Amino acid sequence: MASVQKIFMAKDGSATFVCPACGRERVFDARAFLDKDPRFDIRCSCGQITPVLLEFRKYFRKKVRLLGFCTVERTGQEYPIEVRDVSLEGVGFALADKTVVPDMLPGDVVEVRFRLDNRAKSLVERRGEIRPLRGEFIGVELFPVAYDKDLGGYLLGT
């Protein structure tokens, strides 16, 4: 079975699928899938059937394993964390100590701090809001900043 291909929706609502077998491109209106399951199969005119996952995120999310800290402003409690994914608009992490039950609620304002694994070991310090918790995974929607040069460069691979 073919591996799942991620397709990102562009600002204009379009998405582009590139067939892994023949290289043909197919542009389609991804807005039609906003209220549907984002996982589906696309059949190319060459006959290749490819499972895809349609991503509606505005920014690429990079999978990582970075250690850091999260401080909950409401309580002042600081937790060691393992950052698992990062984008310009969000961070996903789990507590480094699985035996601790965090005093965090959706909507809590937090500060996350961690070092990137780039050459400069850049320090990222950002405030954001806890999103709904999903098991041990905690998502934070970062508050906007003018531009985060270190994080932006890291995500772009520069």
Protein backbone atom coordinates (compact mmCIF):
# COMPACT_ATOMS: atom_id res chain seq x y z
CA MET A 1 0.00 0.00 0.00
CA ALA A 2 1.25 3.48 -0.86
CA SER A 3 2.20 5.82 1.96
CA VAL A 4 -0.16 8.68 2.81
CA GLN A 5 0.69 11.89 0.95
CA LYS A 6 0.06 15.18 2.77
CA ILE A 7 -1.48 17.93 0.67
CA PHE A 8 -1.65 21.51 1.97
CA MET A 9 -4.45 23.93 1.15
CA ALA A 10 -3.21 27.22 -0.32
CA LYS A 11 -4.54 30.64 0.73
CA ASP A 12 -6.89 30.67 -2.27
CA GLY A 13 -8.43 27.35 -1.15
CA SER A 14 -6.77 25.25 -3.82
CA ALA A 15 -4.63 22.18 -3.24
CA THR A 16 -2.22 20.43 -5.59
CA PHE A 17 -1.80 16.66 -5.77
CA VAL A 18 1.28 15.25 -7.53
CA CYS A 19 0.98 11.60 -8.52
CA PRO A 20 3.89 9.61 -7.08
CA ALA A 21 3.78 7.19 -10.03
CA CYS A 22 3.72 9.49 -13.06
CA GLY A 23 4.31 13.01 -11.69
CA ARG A 24 1.09 14.49 -13.09
CA GLU A 25 -0.26 17.45 -11.13
CA ARG A 26 -3.91 17.86 -10.28
CA VAL A 27 -5.20 21.11 -8.74
CA PHE A 28 -8.55 20.99 -6.96
CA ASP A 29 -10.73 23.15 -4.69
CA ALA A 30 -9.90 21.94 -1.17
CA ARG A 31 -12.64 24.07 0.42
CA ALA A 32 -15.12 21.36 -0.59
CA PHE A 33 -13.45 19.13 2.02
CA LEU A 34 -13.53 21.56 4.98
CA ASP A 35 -16.40 19.73 6.70
CA LYS A 36 -15.45 16.23 5.53
CA ASP A 37 -12.87 13.63 6.51
CA PRO A 38 -9.50 15.02 5.34
CA ARG A 39 -8.28 11.47 4.54
CA PHE A 40 -9.31 10.09 1.17
CA ASP A 41 -7.90 8.38 -1.93
CA ILE A 42 -7.10 10.13 -5.20
CA ARG A 43 -7.07 8.17 -8.45
CA CYS A 44 -4.73 9.55 -11.09
CA SER A 45 -5.48 9.22 -14.81
CA CYS A 46 -2.49 6.80 -14.96
CA GLY A 47 -4.44 4.43 -12.68
CA GLN A 48 -2.41 5.00 -9.51
CA ILE A 49 -4.54 5.25 -6.34
CA THR A 50 -2.88 7.30 -3.59
CA PRO A 51 -4.14 7.84 -0.03
CA VAL A 52 -3.91 11.52 0.92
CA LEU A 53 -4.35 13.67 4.00
CA LEU A 54 -5.56 17.19 3.32
CA GLU A 55 -3.97 19.72 5.72
CA PHE A 56 -5.81 22.96 6.36
CA ARG A 57 -3.08 24.51 8.51
CA LYS A 58 -1.71 27.87 7.42
CA TYR A 59 1.83 26.86 8.35
CA PHE A 60 3.93 23.73 8.04
CA ARG A 61 4.23 21.75 11.29
CA LYS A 62 7.61 20.09 11.87
CA LYS A 63 7.97 16.93 13.97
CA VAL A 64 10.71 17.36 16.58
CA ARG A 65 11.97 16.02 19.92
CA LEU A 66 13.16 19.03 21.89
CA LEU A 67 13.34 19.51 25.65
CA GLY A 68 12.08 22.69 27.27
CA PHE A 69 9.79 24.21 29.87
CA CYS A 70 6.20 25.40 30.05
CA THR A 71 5.02 27.88 32.70
CA VAL A 72 1.30 28.31 33.38
CA GLU A 73 0.63 32.00 34.09
CA ARG A 74 -2.50 31.27 36.17
CA THR A 75 -0.60 29.13 38.71
CA GLY A 76 3.05 30.02 38.15
CA GLN A 77 3.73 26.26 37.90
CA GLU A 78 6.62 25.29 35.60
CA TYR A 79 6.77 21.90 33.89
CA PRO A 80 9.63 20.23 31.98
CA ILE A 81 8.29 19.33 28.53
CA GLU A 82 9.21 17.43 25.39
CA VAL A 83 8.23 19.46 22.33
CA ARG A 84 6.95 17.06 19.66
CA ASP A 85 5.94 19.43 16.88
CA VAL A 86 6.31 23.10 16.12
CA SER A 87 5.04 25.64 13.58
CA LEU A 88 5.01 29.42 13.36
CA GLU A 89 1.58 29.41 15.03
CA GLY A 90 1.74 26.52 17.47
CA VAL A 91 3.64 24.06 19.60
CA GLY A 92 2.65 20.54 20.60
CA PHE A 93 4.26 18.87 23.58
CA ALA A 94 3.95 16.30 26.35
CA LEU A 95 5.21 16.59 29.90
CA ALA A 96 8.69 15.11 30.29
CA ASP A 97 7.58 13.42 33.55
CA LYS A 98 4.64 11.15 32.67
CA THR A 99 3.74 10.68 36.37
CA VAL A 100 2.81 14.37 36.83
CA VAL A 101 -0.78 15.52 36.33
CA PRO A 102 -0.52 19.08 34.99
CA ASP A 103 -2.64 21.90 36.39
CA MET A 104 -3.44 23.21 32.91
CA LEU A 105 -6.80 23.94 31.36
CA PRO A 106 -7.83 24.83 27.82
CA GLY A 107 -7.63 28.62 27.57
CA ASP A 108 -4.79 28.94 30.10
CA VAL A 109 -2.03 31.31 29.00
CA VAL A 110 1.42 29.73 29.11
CA GLU A 111 4.99 30.55 28.22
CA VAL A 112 6.96 27.84 26.42
CA ARG A 113 10.75 27.88 26.30
CA PHE A 114 12.94 25.46 24.37
CA ARG A 115 16.09 25.39 22.28
CA LEU A 116 16.00 24.43 18.64
CA ASP A 117 18.35 21.72 17.43
CA ASN A 118 19.86 24.05 14.84
CA ARG A 119 23.53 25.01 14.73
CA ALA A 120 22.97 28.12 16.90
CA LYS A 121 20.81 26.21 19.45
CA SER A 122 18.40 29.16 19.23
CA LEU A 123 16.20 29.81 22.25
CA VAL A 124 12.47 30.07 21.55
CA GLU A 125 10.42 31.86 24.22
CA ARG A 126 6.79 32.40 23.26
CA ARG A 127 3.47 32.94 24.99
CA GLY A 128 0.30 31.22 23.87
CA GLU A 129 -2.98 29.63 24.84
CA ILE A 130 -3.62 25.99 25.72
CA ARG A 131 -5.97 24.34 23.22
CA PRO A 132 -8.19 21.36 24.16
CA LEU A 133 -6.05 18.60 25.69
CA ARG A 134 -5.78 15.28 23.81
CA GLY A 135 -4.54 12.64 26.22
CA GLU A 136 -0.93 13.35 27.15
CA PHE A 137 -0.54 15.69 24.15
CA ILE A 138 -0.88 19.41 24.88
CA GLY A 139 -1.27 21.91 22.07
CA VAL A 140 -0.51 25.61 22.40
CA GLU A 141 -1.66 28.23 19.92
CA LEU A 142 1.11 30.81 20.00
CA PHE A 143 0.27 34.49 20.25
CA PRO A 144 1.23 36.40 17.10
CA VAL A 145 4.55 38.21 16.90
CA ALA A 146 5.84 40.41 14.08
CA TYR A 147 8.18 37.62 12.94
CA ASP A 148 10.20 34.96 14.69
CA LYS A 149 13.41 34.85 12.62
CA ASP A 150 14.95 31.86 14.43
CA LEU A 151 11.81 29.72 14.33
CA GLY A 152 10.94 30.77 10.76
CA GLY A 153 14.44 29.93 9.54
CA TYR A 154 14.38 26.61 11.40
CA LEU A 155 11.09 25.57 9.82
CA LEU A 156 12.29 26.58 6.36
CA GLY A 157 15.50 24.60 6.83
CA THR A 158 17.88 27.57 6.66
